[in-house]
Amino acid sequence: MSDPSFANTPEPPYYAVIFTSQRNGEDAEAYGEAAAAMVALAAQQPGCLGAESVRGADGIGITVSYWRSEADILSWKHHAEHTAIRNRGRRDWYTRYITRVAKVERAYDWFAKTAP
């Protein structure tokens, strides 16, 4: 069963980049376009396994992207378009963000049974 809201990751181990941000509320349309462009661009990068993202009404968002290796993560971090958008985010859209990198050792999946 596939749900596009969830990343389709392989069996561990792999890496997760957890990006937690607080938006300032400025220029929401431009931010939404840039965020969508970055998710699409990241998906094209070597080693990208997918991403999951949510944003609350309070402006706090969490995006978790999954990667095959730390080298793939560093390549993405230094990608020119990603760097430009990150700098714009610091200037125009965020009041704070935290990036965490973790190695996924185990992953579990559960689905509710559907009616027959």
Protein backbone atom coordinates (compact mmCIF):
# COMPACT_ATOMS: atom_id res chain seq x y z
CA MET A 1 0.00 0.00 0.00
CA SER A 2 1.46 3.37 -1.03
CA ASP A 3 0.60 6.80 0.40
CA PRO A 4 2.28 9.80 -1.26
CA SER A 5 2.37 11.58 2.13
CA PHE A 6 4.93 9.05 3.32
CA ALA A 7 8.42 8.55 1.90
CA ASN A 8 8.96 5.10 0.44
CA THR A 9 12.23 4.27 2.18
CA PRO A 10 14.24 1.06 1.88
CA GLU A 11 15.22 -1.21 4.72
CA PRO A 12 17.58 0.58 7.14
CA PRO A 13 20.22 1.72 7.58
CA TYR A 14 19.87 5.09 5.88
CA TYR A 15 19.97 8.71 7.05
CA ALA A 16 17.32 11.27 7.96
CA VAL A 17 17.73 15.03 7.82
CA ILE A 18 15.20 16.65 10.14
CA PHE A 19 14.58 20.31 9.35
CA THR A 20 12.43 22.13 11.91
CA SER A 21 11.64 25.75 11.09
CA GLN A 22 9.68 28.74 12.33
CA ARG A 23 8.29 30.92 9.53
CA ASN A 24 7.88 34.65 9.95
CA GLY A 25 4.69 34.71 7.83
CA GLU A 26 6.17 36.93 5.11
CA ASP A 27 5.52 36.26 1.41
CA ALA A 28 3.77 32.90 1.87
CA GLU A 29 3.22 32.40 -1.87
CA ALA A 30 6.91 32.79 -2.77
CA TYR A 31 7.86 30.57 0.16
CA GLY A 32 5.45 27.83 -0.94
CA GLU A 33 6.82 27.91 -4.47
CA ALA A 34 10.41 27.75 -3.24
CA ALA A 35 9.65 24.92 -0.81
CA ALA A 36 7.96 22.87 -3.53
CA ALA A 37 10.87 23.53 -5.90
CA MET A 38 13.39 22.37 -3.26
CA VAL A 39 11.47 19.13 -2.58
CA ALA A 40 11.37 18.43 -6.32
CA LEU A 41 15.05 19.27 -6.77
CA ALA A 42 16.10 17.17 -3.76
CA ALA A 43 14.20 14.20 -5.20
CA GLN A 44 16.44 14.37 -8.29
CA GLN A 45 19.68 14.24 -6.28
CA PRO A 46 21.76 11.08 -5.99
CA GLY A 47 20.93 9.23 -2.80
CA CYS A 48 17.64 10.99 -2.03
CA LEU A 49 15.09 8.44 -0.82
CA GLY A 50 12.14 10.78 -0.29
CA ALA A 51 10.72 13.33 2.13
CA GLU A 52 7.80 14.02 4.46
CA SER A 53 6.71 17.51 5.45
CA VAL A 54 4.11 19.27 7.60
CA ARG A 55 3.52 22.88 8.63
CA GLY A 56 1.17 24.05 11.35
CA ALA A 57 -0.95 27.18 11.50
CA ASP A 58 1.58 28.57 14.01
CA GLY A 59 4.25 28.63 11.28
CA ILE A 60 6.29 25.76 12.67
CA GLY A 61 7.18 23.18 10.06
CA ILE A 62 9.05 19.91 10.03
CA THR A 63 10.49 18.33 6.92
CA VAL A 64 12.29 15.01 7.13
CA SER A 65 14.28 13.98 4.09
CA TYR A 66 15.83 10.54 3.78
CA TRP A 67 19.21 9.81 2.22
CA ARG A 68 21.33 6.80 1.38
CA SER A 69 24.57 8.27 2.83
CA GLU A 70 26.10 11.20 4.65
CA ALA A 71 28.03 12.03 1.47
CA ASP A 72 24.72 12.39 -0.40
CA ILE A 73 23.47 14.73 2.35
CA LEU A 74 26.57 16.91 2.08
CA SER A 75 26.25 17.07 -1.70
CA TRP A 76 22.68 18.31 -1.28
CA LYS A 77 23.72 20.80 1.39
CA HIS A 78 26.24 22.35 -1.02
CA HIS A 79 24.04 22.23 -4.14
CA ALA A 80 24.03 25.74 -5.65
CA GLU A 81 20.23 26.15 -5.93
CA HIS A 82 19.70 24.74 -2.44
CA THR A 83 22.30 27.14 -1.05
CA ALA A 84 20.62 30.12 -2.75
CA ILE A 85 17.18 29.20 -1.37
CA ARG A 86 18.63 28.54 2.10
CA ASN A 87 20.16 32.02 2.08
CA ARG A 88 16.86 33.54 0.93
CA GLY A 89 15.08 31.65 3.70
CA ARG A 90 17.41 33.13 6.29
CA ARG A 91 16.87 36.59 4.86
CA ASP A 92 13.14 36.51 4.07
CA TRP A 93 11.17 33.62 5.57
CA TYR A 94 12.54 32.13 8.80
CA THR A 95 12.95 33.40 12.31
CA ARG A 96 14.70 30.18 13.31
CA TYR A 97 15.49 26.71 12.07
CA ILE A 98 17.32 23.63 13.30
CA THR A 99 18.76 20.91 11.10
CA ARG A 100 19.47 17.51 12.61
CA VAL A 101 21.04 14.51 10.88
CA ALA A 102 20.37 11.01 12.21
CA LYS A 103 21.13 7.49 11.12
CA VAL A 104 18.00 5.36 10.90
CA GLU A 105 18.75 1.96 12.37
CA ARG A 106 15.20 0.57 12.52
CA ALA A 107 11.89 1.47 10.91
CA TYR A 108 8.43 0.05 11.48
CA ASP A 109 5.28 0.39 9.40
CA TRP A 110 1.64 -0.16 10.37
CA PHE A 111 -1.59 0.09 8.38
CA ALA A 112 -5.17 0.05 9.63
CA LYS A 113 -7.22 -2.78 8.19
CA THR A 114 -9.79 -1.61 5.70
CA ALA A 115 -13.37 -2.89 5.62
CA PRO A 116 -13.88 -5.96 3.38
